[in-house]
PDB file of N, CA and C in Angstrom:
ATOM      1  N   MET A   1       0.806  -1.248  -0.067  1.00  0.00           N
ATOM      2  CA  MET A   1       0.007   0.061  -0.008  1.00  0.00           C
ATOM      3  C   MET A   1       0.855   1.140  -0.003  1.00  0.00           C
ATOM      4  N   GLY A   2       0.485   2.139  -0.763  1.00  0.00           N
ATOM      5  CA  GLY A   2       1.333   3.416  -0.709  1.00  0.00           C
ATOM      6  C   GLY A   2       1.826   3.811  -2.184  1.00  0.00           C
ATOM      7  N   ALA A   3       1.755   2.839  -2.979  1.00  0.00           N
ATOM      8  CA  ALA A   3       2.170   3.193  -4.503  1.00  0.00           C
ATOM      9  C   ALA A   3       3.397   3.699  -4.585  1.00  0.00           C
ATOM     10  N   LYS A   4       3.570   4.833  -5.092  1.00  0.00           N
ATOM     11  CA  LYS A   4       4.901   5.580  -5.473  1.00  0.00           C
ATOM     12  C   LYS A   4       5.587   5.785  -4.148  1.00  0.00           C
ATOM     13  N   ASP A   5       4.953   6.100  -2.976  1.00  0.00           N
ATOM     14  CA  ASP A   5       5.732   6.474  -1.924  1.00  0.00           C
ATOM     15  C   ASP A   5       6.478   5.442  -1.340  1.00  0.00           C
ATOM     16  N   VAL A   6       6.122   3.952  -1.595  1.00  0.00           N
ATOM     17  CA  VAL A   6       6.796   2.900  -1.011  1.00  0.00           C
ATOM     18  C   VAL A   6       7.488   2.301  -1.997  1.00  0.00           C
ATOM     19  N   ALA A   7       7.618   2.550  -3.322  1.00  0.00           N
ATOM     20  CA  ALA A   7       8.241   1.775  -4.418  1.00  0.00           C
ATOM     21  C   ALA A   7       9.739   1.523  -3.977  1.00  0.00           C
ATOM     22  N   PRO A   8      10.463   2.467  -3.549  1.00  0.00           N
ATOM     23  CA  PRO A   8      11.887   2.030  -3.173  1.00  0.00           C
ATOM     24  C   PRO A   8      11.941   0.941  -2.065  1.00  0.00           C
ATOM     25  N   GLY A   9      11.079   1.004  -1.286  1.00  0.00           N
ATOM     26  CA  GLY A   9      11.003  -0.067  -0.149  1.00  0.00           C
ATOM     27  C   GLY A   9      10.651  -1.399  -0.730  1.00  0.00           C
ATOM     28  N   ILE A  10       9.561  -1.313  -1.637  1.00  0.00           N
ATOM     29  CA  ILE A  10       9.174  -2.585  -2.289  1.00  0.00           C
ATOM     30  C   ILE A  10      10.321  -3.209  -3.191  1.00  0.00           C
ATOM     31  N   ARG A  11      10.972  -2.501  -3.722  1.00  0.00           N
ATOM     32  CA  ARG A  11      11.999  -2.813  -4.662  1.00  0.00           C
ATOM     33  C   ARG A  11      13.185  -3.508  -3.752  1.00  0.00           C
ATOM     34  N   VAL A  12      13.348  -2.884  -2.594  1.00  0.00           N
ATOM     35  CA  VAL A  12      14.461  -3.521  -1.670  1.00  0.00           C
ATOM     36  C   VAL A  12      13.912  -4.818  -1.255  1.00  0.00           C
ATOM     37  N   LEU A  13      12.671  -5.085  -0.803  1.00  0.00           N
ATOM     38  CA  LEU A  13      12.075  -6.251  -0.435  1.00  0.00           C
ATOM     39  C   LEU A  13      12.044  -7.318  -1.482  1.00  0.00           C
ATOM     40  N   HIS A  14      11.732  -6.831  -2.734  1.00  0.00           N
ATOM     41  CA  HIS A  14      11.748  -7.949  -3.905  1.00  0.00           C
ATOM     42  C   HIS A  14      13.363  -8.347  -4.142  1.00  0.00           C
ATOM     43  N   GLU A  15      14.284  -7.400  -4.059  1.00  0.00           N
ATOM     44  CA  GLU A  15      15.702  -7.828  -4.328  1.00  0.00           C
ATOM     45  C   GLU A  15      16.038  -8.935  -3.316  1.00  0.00           C
ATOM     46  N   ALA A  16      15.525  -8.787  -2.111  1.00  0.00           N
ATOM     47  CA  ALA A  16      15.893  -9.713  -1.059  1.00  0.00           C
ATOM     48  C   ALA A  16      15.070 -10.961  -1.035  1.00  0.00           C
ATOM     49  N   GLY A  17      14.068 -11.070  -1.854  1.00  0.00           N
ATOM     50  CA  GLY A  17      13.251 -12.212  -2.086  1.00  0.00           C
ATOM     51  C   GLY A  17      12.099 -12.203  -1.035  1.00  0.00           C
ATOM     52  N   ILE A  18      11.900 -11.076  -0.622  1.00  0.00           N
ATOM     53  CA  ILE A  18      10.630 -10.998   0.356  1.00  0.00           C
ATOM     54  C   ILE A  18       9.495 -10.502  -0.313  1.00  0.00           C
ATOM     55  N   PRO A  19       8.358 -11.099  -0.271  1.00  0.00           N
ATOM     56  CA  PRO A  19       7.109 -10.653  -1.033  1.00  0.00           C
ATOM     57  C   PRO A  19       6.614  -9.433  -0.349  1.00  0.00           C
ATOM     58  N   ALA A  20       6.034  -8.682  -1.219  1.00  0.00           N
ATOM     59  CA  ALA A  20       5.316  -7.493  -0.818  1.00  0.00           C
ATOM     60  C   ALA A  20       3.923  -7.431  -1.612  1.00  0.00           C
ATOM     61  N   PHE A  21       3.025  -7.257  -0.817  1.00  0.00           N
ATOM     62  CA  PHE A  21       1.559  -7.204  -1.374  1.00  0.00           C
ATOM     63  C   PHE A  21       0.997  -5.811  -1.507  1.00  0.00           C
ATOM     64  N   GLU A  22       0.112  -5.594  -2.438  1.00  0.00           N
ATOM     65  CA  GLU A  22      -0.559  -4.370  -2.532  1.00  0.00           C
ATOM     66  C   GLU A  22      -1.553  -3.986  -1.478  1.00  0.00           C
ATOM     67  N   THR A  23      -2.356  -5.096  -1.114  1.00  0.00           N
ATOM     68  CA  THR A  23      -3.457  -5.102  -0.194  1.00  0.00           C
ATOM     69  C   THR A  23      -3.138  -6.118   0.938  1.00  0.00           C
ATOM     70  N   PRO A  24      -3.746  -5.889   2.038  1.00  0.00           N
ATOM     71  CA  PRO A  24      -3.781  -6.971   3.037  1.00  0.00           C
ATOM     72  C   PRO A  24      -4.573  -8.182   2.558  1.00  0.00           C
ATOM     73  N   GLU A  25      -5.699  -8.044   1.858  1.00  0.00           N
ATOM     74  CA  GLU A  25      -6.417  -9.206   1.294  1.00  0.00           C
ATOM     75  C   GLU A  25      -5.479 -10.126   0.489  1.00  0.00           C
ATOM     76  N   GLU A  26      -4.718  -9.375  -0.396  1.00  0.00           N
ATOM     77  CA  GLU A  26      -3.759 -10.305  -1.139  1.00  0.00           C
ATOM     78  C   GLU A  26      -2.826 -10.897  -0.400  1.00  0.00           C
ATOM     79  N   ALA A  27      -2.294 -10.481   0.900  1.00  0.00           N
ATOM     80  CA  ALA A  27      -1.375 -11.122   1.748  1.00  0.00           C
ATOM     81  C   ALA A  27      -2.092 -12.205   2.281  1.00  0.00           C
ATOM     82  N   VAL A  28      -3.326 -12.122   2.809  1.00  0.00           N
ATOM     83  CA  VAL A  28      -4.144 -13.092   3.615  1.00  0.00           C
ATOM     84  C   VAL A  28      -4.259 -14.121   2.548  1.00  0.00           C
ATOM     85  N   ASP A  29      -4.733 -13.913   1.392  1.00  0.00           N
ATOM     86  CA  ASP A  29      -5.063 -14.980   0.393  1.00  0.00           C
ATOM     87  C   ASP A  29      -3.798 -15.897  -0.017  1.00  0.00           C
ATOM     88  N   THR A  30      -2.546 -15.326  -0.097  1.00  0.00           N
ATOM     89  CA  THR A  30      -1.404 -15.921  -0.214  1.00  0.00           C
ATOM     90  C   THR A  30      -0.987 -16.867   0.874  1.00  0.00           C
ATOM     91  N   PHE A  31      -1.180 -16.204   2.192  1.00  0.00           N
ATOM     92  CA  PHE A  31      -0.972 -17.023   3.325  1.00  0.00           C
ATOM     93  C   PHE A  31      -1.965 -18.131   3.360  1.00  0.00           C
ATOM     94  N   MET A  32      -3.205 -18.028   3.023  1.00  0.00           N
ATOM     95  CA  MET A  32      -4.176 -19.278   3.036  1.00  0.00           C
ATOM     96  C   MET A  32      -3.762 -20.259   2.056  1.00  0.00           C
ATOM     97  N   GLU A  33      -3.342 -19.857   0.871  1.00  0.00           N
ATOM     98  CA  GLU A  33      -2.857 -20.844  -0.091  1.00  0.00           C
ATOM     99  C   GLU A  33      -1.534 -21.479   0.353  1.00  0.00           C
ATOM    100  N   MET A  34      -0.758 -20.826   1.085  1.00  0.00           N
ATOM    101  CA  MET A  34       0.497 -21.652   1.553  1.00  0.00           C
ATOM    102  C   MET A  34      -0.078 -22.611   2.588  1.00  0.00           C
ATOM    103  N   TYR A  35      -0.904 -22.082   3.446  1.00  0.00           N
ATOM    104  CA  TYR A  35      -1.439 -23.141   4.537  1.00  0.00           C
ATOM    105  C   TYR A  35      -1.990 -24.306   4.048  1.00  0.00           C
ATOM    106  N   SER A  36      -2.883 -24.133   3.036  1.00  0.00           N
ATOM    107  CA  SER A  36      -3.675 -25.085   2.262  1.00  0.00           C
ATOM    108  C   SER A  36      -2.648 -26.180   1.723  1.00  0.00           C
ATOM    109  N   TYR A  37      -1.512 -25.557   1.055  1.00  0.00           N
ATOM    110  CA  TYR A  37      -0.601 -26.460   0.252  1.00  0.00           C
ATOM    111  C   TYR A  37       0.156 -27.392   1.343  1.00  0.00           C
ATOM    112  N   THR A  38       0.521 -26.657   2.397  1.00  0.00           N
ATOM    113  CA  THR A  38       1.179 -27.454   3.480  1.00  0.00           C
ATOM    114  C   THR A  38       0.348 -28.519   4.062  1.00  0.00           C
ATOM    115  N   ARG A  39      -0.935 -28.125   4.402  1.00  0.00           N
ATOM    116  CA  ARG A  39      -1.709 -29.134   4.866  1.00  0.00           C
ATOM    117  C   ARG A  39      -2.096 -30.266   4.013  1.00  0.00           C
ATOM    118  N   ASN A  40      -2.230 -29.940   2.720  1.00  0.00           N
ATOM    119  CA  ASN A  40      -2.324 -31.101   1.714  1.00  0.00           C
ATOM    120  C   ASN A  40      -1.228 -32.065   1.616  1.00  0.00           C
ATOM    121  N   LEU A  41       0.028 -31.568   1.736  1.00  0.00           N
ATOM    122  CA  LEU A  41       1.282 -32.305   1.883  1.00  0.00           C
ATOM    123  C   LEU A  41       1.287 -33.161   2.962  1.00  0.00           C
ATOM    124  N   GLU A  42       0.816 -32.574   4.174  1.00  0.00           N
ATOM    125  CA  GLU A  42       0.771 -33.383   5.269  1.00  0.00           C
ATOM    126  C   GLU A  42      -0.186 -34.552   5.236  1.00  0.00           C
ATOM    127  N   LEU A  43      -1.387 -34.288   4.649  1.00  0.00           N
ATOM    128  CA  LEU A  43      -2.393 -35.365   4.376  1.00  0.00           C
ATOM    129  C   LEU A  43      -1.747 -36.378   3.647  1.00  0.00           C
ATOM    130  N   LEU A  44      -1.061 -36.109   2.544  1.00  0.00           N
ATOM    131  CA  LEU A  44      -0.622 -36.995   1.620  1.00  0.00           C
ATOM    132  C   LEU A  44       0.432 -37.940   2.264  1.00  0.00           C
ATOM    133  N   GLN A  45       1.194 -37.555   3.267  1.00  0.00           N
ATOM    134  CA  GLN A  45       2.084 -38.221   3.872  1.00  0.00           C
ATOM    135  C   GLN A  45       1.565 -39.108   5.145  1.00  0.00           C
ATOM    136  N   GLU A  46       0.540 -38.901   5.428  1.00  0.00           N
ATOM    137  CA  GLU A  46      -0.160 -39.743   6.513  1.00  0.00           C
ATOM    138  C   GLU A  46      -0.138 -41.275   6.235  1.00  0.00           C
ATOM    139  N   THR A  47       0.207 -41.937   7.133  1.00  0.00           N
ATOM    140  CA  THR A  47       0.125 -43.403   7.050  1.00  0.00           C
ATOM    141  C   THR A  47      -1.213 -43.973   7.594  1.00  0.00           C
ATOM    142  N   PRO A  48      -1.756 -44.716   6.720  1.00  0.00           N
ATOM    143  CA  PRO A  48      -3.237 -45.302   6.966  1.00  0.00           C
ATOM    144  C   PRO A  48      -3.046 -46.178   8.227  1.00  0.00           C
ATOM    145  N   PRO A  49      -4.064 -46.418   8.940  1.00  0.00           N
ATOM    146  CA  PRO A  49      -4.055 -47.372  10.044  1.00  0.00           C
ATOM    147  C   PRO A  49      -3.633 -48.694   9.586  1.00  0.00           C
ATOM    148  N   ARG A  50      -3.142 -49.480  10.459  1.00  0.00           N
ATOM    149  CA  ARG A  50      -2.715 -50.931  10.125  1.00  0.00           C
ATOM    150  C   ARG A  50      -4.102 -51.654  10.215  1.00  0.00           C
ATOM    151  N   LEU A  51      -4.291 -52.692   9.391  1.00  0.00           N
ATOM    152  CA  LEU A  51      -5.338 -53.616   9.321  1.00  0.00           C
ATOM    153  C   LEU A  51      -5.068 -54.590  10.514  1.00  0.00           C
ATOM    154  N   PRO A  52      -6.161 -54.883  11.146  1.00  0.00           N
ATOM    155  CA  PRO A  52      -5.868 -55.941  12.306  1.00  0.00           C
ATOM    156  C   PRO A  52      -5.568 -57.328  11.683  1.00  0.00           C
ATOM    157  N   ALA A  53      -4.551 -57.875  12.587  1.00  0.00           N
ATOM    158  CA  ALA A  53      -3.902 -59.102  12.158  1.00  0.00           C
ATOM    159  C   ALA A  53      -4.860 -60.292  12.209  1.00  0.00           C
ATOM    160  N   ASP A  54      -5.894 -60.166  12.815  1.00  0.00           N
ATOM    161  CA  ASP A  54      -6.954 -61.223  12.740  1.00  0.00           C
ATOM    162  C   ASP A  54      -8.121 -60.831  11.891  1.00  0.00           C
ATOM    163  N   LEU A  55      -7.620 -60.445  10.689  1.00  0.00           N
ATOM    164  CA  LEU A  55      -8.618 -60.149   9.663  1.00  0.00           C
ATOM    165  C   LEU A  55      -9.446 -61.437   9.193  1.00  0.00           C
ATOM    166  N   LYS A  56     -10.755 -61.464   9.388  1.00  0.00           N
ATOM    167  CA  LYS A  56     -11.616 -62.568   9.240  1.00  0.00           C
ATOM    168  C   LYS A  56     -12.393 -62.484   7.973  1.00  0.00           C
ATOM    169  N   VAL A  57     -12.296 -63.274   7.020  1.00  0.00           N
ATOM    170  CA  VAL A  57     -12.986 -63.078   5.681  1.00  0.00           C
ATOM    171  C   VAL A  57     -13.751 -64.419   5.458  1.00  0.00           C
ATOM    172  N   ASN A  58     -14.964 -64.217   5.116  1.00  0.00           N
ATOM    173  CA  ASN A  58     -15.931 -65.276   4.925  1.00  0.00           C
ATOM    174  C   ASN A  58     -15.619 -65.890   3.568  1.00  0.00           C
ATOM    175  N   THR A  59     -14.573 -66.534   3.245  1.00  0.00           N
ATOM    176  CA  THR A  59     -14.195 -66.965   2.005  1.00  0.00           C
ATOM    177  C   THR A  59     -15.277 -67.939   1.364  1.00  0.00           C
ATOM    178  N   LYS A  60     -16.087 -68.703   2.183  1.00  0.00           N
ATOM    179  CA  LYS A  60     -17.026 -69.656   1.695  1.00  0.00           C
ATOM    180  C   LYS A  60     -18.147 -68.830   1.052  1.00  0.00           C
ATOM    181  N   GLN A  61     -18.531 -67.747   1.613  1.00  0.00           N
ATOM    182  CA  GLN A  61     -19.557 -66.946   1.099  1.00  0.00           C
ATOM    183  C   GLN A  61     -19.120 -66.230  -0.197  1.00  0.00           C
ATOM    184  N   VAL A  62     -17.983 -65.903  -0.259  1.00  0.00           N
ATOM    185  CA  VAL A  62     -17.475 -65.057  -1.374  1.00  0.00           C
ATOM    186  C   VAL A  62     -17.322 -66.109  -2.629  1.00  0.00           C
ATOM    187  N   ARG A  63     -16.915 -67.202  -2.312  1.00  0.00           N
ATOM    188  CA  ARG A  63     -16.590 -68.188  -3.359  1.00  0.00           C
ATOM    189  C   ARG A  63     -18.112 -68.757  -3.845  1.00  0.00           C
ATOM    190  N   ASN A  64     -19.075 -68.711  -2.991  1.00  0.00           N
ATOM    191  CA  ASN A  64     -20.423 -69.068  -3.490  1.00  0.00           C
ATOM    192  C   ASN A  64     -20.944 -67.979  -4.568  1.00  0.00           C
ATOM    193  N   PHE A  65     -20.667 -66.696  -4.100  1.00  0.00           N
ATOM    194  CA  PHE A  65     -21.273 -65.803  -4.884  1.00  0.00           C
ATOM    195  C   PHE A  65     -20.549 -65.622  -6.307  1.00  0.00           C
ATOM    196  N   ILE A  66     -19.307 -65.909  -6.323  1.00  0.00           N
ATOM    197  CA  ILE A  66     -18.532 -65.842  -7.468  1.00  0.00           C
ATOM    198  C   ILE A  66     -18.843 -67.115  -8.347  1.00  0.00           C
ATOM    199  N   ASP A  67     -18.971 -68.289  -7.701  1.00  0.00           N
ATOM    200  CA  ASP A  67     -19.337 -69.386  -8.437  1.00  0.00           C
ATOM    201  C   ASP A  67     -20.734 -69.262  -9.127  1.00  0.00           C
ATOM    202  N   GLU A  68     -21.671 -68.638  -8.428  1.00  0.00           N
ATOM    203  CA  GLU A  68     -22.950 -68.370  -8.965  1.00  0.00           C
ATOM    204  C   GLU A  68     -22.771 -67.430 -10.084  1.00  0.00           C
ATOM    205  N   CYS A  69     -21.920 -66.539 -10.189  1.00  0.00           N
ATOM    206  CA  CYS A  69     -21.750 -65.547 -11.241  1.00  0.00           C
ATOM    207  C   CYS A  69     -21.186 -66.355 -12.483  1.00  0.00           C
ATOM    208  N   PHE A  70     -20.261 -67.441 -12.198  1.00  0.00           N
ATOM    209  CA  PHE A  70     -19.700 -68.041 -13.412  1.00  0.00           C
ATOM    210  C   PHE A  70     -20.884 -69.027 -13.799  1.00  0.00           C
ATOM    211  N   LYS A  71     -21.667 -69.689 -13.056  1.00  0.00           N
ATOM    212  CA  LYS A  71     -22.849 -70.322 -13.533  1.00  0.00           C
ATOM    213  C   LYS A  71     -23.667 -69.676 -14.537  1.00  0.00           C
ATOM    214  N   ARG A  72     -23.922 -68.315 -14.072  1.00  0.00           N
ATOM    215  CA  ARG A  72     -24.789 -67.550 -14.992  1.00  0.00           C
ATOM    216  C   ARG A  72     -24.176 -67.084 -16.155  1.00  0.00           C
ATOM    217  N   GLN A  73     -22.844 -67.289 -16.371  1.00  0.00           N
ATOM    218  CA  GLN A  73     -21.908 -66.849 -17.443  1.00  0.00           C
ATOM    219  C   GLN A  73     -22.057 -65.390 -17.710  1.00  0.00           C
ATOM    220  N   THR A  74     -22.006 -64.516 -16.641  1.00  0.00           N
ATOM    221  CA  THR A  74     -22.027 -63.266 -16.570  1.00  0.00           C
ATOM    222  C   THR A  74     -20.840 -62.493 -15.961  1.00  0.00           C
ATOM    223  N   PRO A  75     -20.297 -61.572 -16.500  1.00  0.00           N
ATOM    224  CA  PRO A  75     -19.076 -61.087 -15.818  1.00  0.00           C
ATOM    225  C   PRO A  75     -19.581 -59.887 -14.715  1.00  0.00           C
ATOM    226  N   LEU A  76     -20.822 -59.832 -14.492  1.00  0.00           N
ATOM    227  CA  LEU A  76     -21.231 -58.745 -13.453  1.00  0.00           C
ATOM    228  C   LEU A  76     -21.983 -59.587 -12.312  1.00  0.00           C
ATOM    229  N   LEU A  77     -21.763 -58.987 -11.181  1.00  0.00           N
ATOM    230  CA  LEU A  77     -22.437 -59.381 -10.032  1.00  0.00           C
ATOM    231  C   LEU A  77     -23.669 -58.446  -9.755  1.00  0.00           C
ATOM    232  N   THR A  78     -24.636 -58.985  -9.166  1.00  0.00           N
ATOM    233  CA  THR A  78     -25.790 -58.204  -8.629  1.00  0.00           C
ATOM    234  C   THR A  78     -25.428 -57.247  -7.611  1.00  0.00           C
ATOM    235  N   GLU A  79     -26.204 -56.166  -7.396  1.00  0.00           N
ATOM    236  CA  GLU A  79     -26.013 -55.358  -6.136  1.00  0.00           C
ATOM    237  C   GLU A  79     -25.973 -56.073  -4.890  1.00  0.00           C
ATOM    238  N   VAL A  80     -26.851 -57.003  -4.761  1.00  0.00           N
ATOM    239  CA  VAL A  80     -26.810 -57.776  -3.526  1.00  0.00           C
ATOM    240  C   VAL A  80     -25.634 -58.649  -3.331  1.00  0.00           C
ATOM    241  N   GLU A  81     -25.182 -59.198  -4.444  1.00  0.00           N
ATOM    242  CA  GLU A  81     -23.926 -60.202  -4.421  1.00  0.00           C
ATOM    243  C   GLU A  81     -22.736 -59.229  -4.081  1.00  0.00           C
ATOM    244  N   ALA A  82     -22.651 -58.233  -4.778  1.00  0.00           N
ATOM    245  CA  ALA A  82     -21.281 -57.381  -4.656  1.00  0.00           C
ATOM    246  C   ALA A  82     -21.263 -56.790  -3.246  1.00  0.00           C
ATOM    247  N   LYS A  83     -22.524 -56.430  -2.657  1.00  0.00           N
ATOM    248  CA  LYS A  83     -22.412 -55.913  -1.247  1.00  0.00           C
ATOM    249  C   LYS A  83     -22.184 -56.996  -0.245  1.00  0.00           C
ATOM    250  N   ALA A  84     -22.523 -58.298  -0.613  1.00  0.00           N
ATOM    251  CA  ALA A  84     -22.349 -59.345   0.231  1.00  0.00           C
ATOM    252  C   ALA A  84     -20.895 -59.623   0.270  1.00  0.00           C
ATOM    253  N   ILE A  85     -20.267 -59.706  -0.830  1.00  0.00           N
ATOM    254  CA  ILE A  85     -18.645 -59.946  -1.067  1.00  0.00           C
ATOM    255  C   ILE A  85     -18.045 -58.889  -0.387  1.00  0.00           C
ATOM    256  N   LEU A  86     -18.362 -57.577  -0.415  1.00  0.00           N
ATOM    257  CA  LEU A  86     -17.724 -56.579   0.439  1.00  0.00           C
ATOM    258  C   LEU A  86     -17.820 -56.806   1.808  1.00  0.00           C
ATOM    259  N   SER A  87     -19.180 -57.107   2.196  1.00  0.00           N
ATOM    260  CA  SER A  87     -19.363 -57.220   3.736  1.00  0.00           C
ATOM    261  C   SER A  87     -18.509 -58.536   4.196  1.00  0.00           C
ATOM    262  N   ALA A  88     -18.338 -59.553   3.422  1.00  0.00           N
ATOM    263  CA  ALA A  88     -17.619 -60.650   3.806  1.00  0.00           C
ATOM    264  C   ALA A  88     -16.130 -60.238   4.014  1.00  0.00           C
ATOM    265  N   TYR A  89     -15.670 -59.277   3.407  1.00  0.00           N
ATOM    266  CA  TYR A  89     -14.261 -58.672   3.658  1.00  0.00           C
ATOM    267  C   TYR A  89     -14.310 -57.761   4.650  1.00  0.00           C
ATOM    268  N   GLY A  90     -15.414 -57.529   5.388  1.00  0.00           N
ATOM    269  CA  GLY A  90     -15.385 -56.462   6.415  1.00  0.00           C
ATOM    270  C   GLY A  90     -15.529 -55.041   5.984  1.00  0.00           C
ATOM    271  N   ILE A  91     -15.798 -54.851   4.710  1.00  0.00           N
ATOM    272  CA  ILE A  91     -16.030 -53.474   4.051  1.00  0.00           C
ATOM    273  C   ILE A  91     -17.578 -53.196   4.364  1.00  0.00           C
ATOM    274  N   PRO A  92     -17.722 -51.898   5.117  1.00  0.00           N
ATOM    275  CA  PRO A  92     -19.113 -51.554   5.178  1.00  0.00           C
ATOM    276  C   PRO A  92     -19.925 -51.049   4.080  1.00  0.00           C
ATOM    277  N   VAL A  93     -21.184 -51.610   3.939  1.00  0.00           N
ATOM    278  CA  VAL A  93     -21.922 -51.109   2.743  1.00  0.00           C
ATOM    279  C   VAL A  93     -23.276 -50.704   3.307  1.00  0.00           C
ATOM    280  N   ASN A  94     -23.947 -49.881   2.554  1.00  0.00           N
ATOM    281  CA  ASN A  94     -25.283 -49.561   2.739  1.00  0.00           C
ATOM    282  C   ASN A  94     -26.288 -50.633   2.389  1.00  0.00           C
ATOM    283  N   PRO A  95     -27.360 -50.670   3.300  1.00  0.00           N
ATOM    284  CA  PRO A  95     -28.312 -51.888   2.912  1.00  0.00           C
ATOM    285  C   PRO A  95     -28.890 -51.840   1.439  1.00  0.00           C
ATOM    286  N   PRO A  96     -29.101 -52.929   0.888  1.00  0.00           N
ATOM    287  CA  PRO A  96     -29.517 -53.074  -0.526  1.00  0.00           C
ATOM    288  C   PRO A  96     -31.013 -52.510  -0.623  1.00  0.00           C
TER     289      PRO A  96
END
């Protein structure tokens, strides 16, 4: 802020690699973009929680649904079958 009156100071800041903004809003917007960028990097580096070692899968139920699909000679499962298979692996699904 200050246009011509602060031009020499702005030039000194730019030469030193220090950003100078024309308005407070522009400075706040820049700060928020930097915060968002940093937060996104942190989220990308998070380690997902470990799966329980005693993961129980109802393989018999899954095999039955897949066998039924092969008997029908169709490459697609019904909604009920697909949700049953996901449930057998412990993946939550909404009711059919």
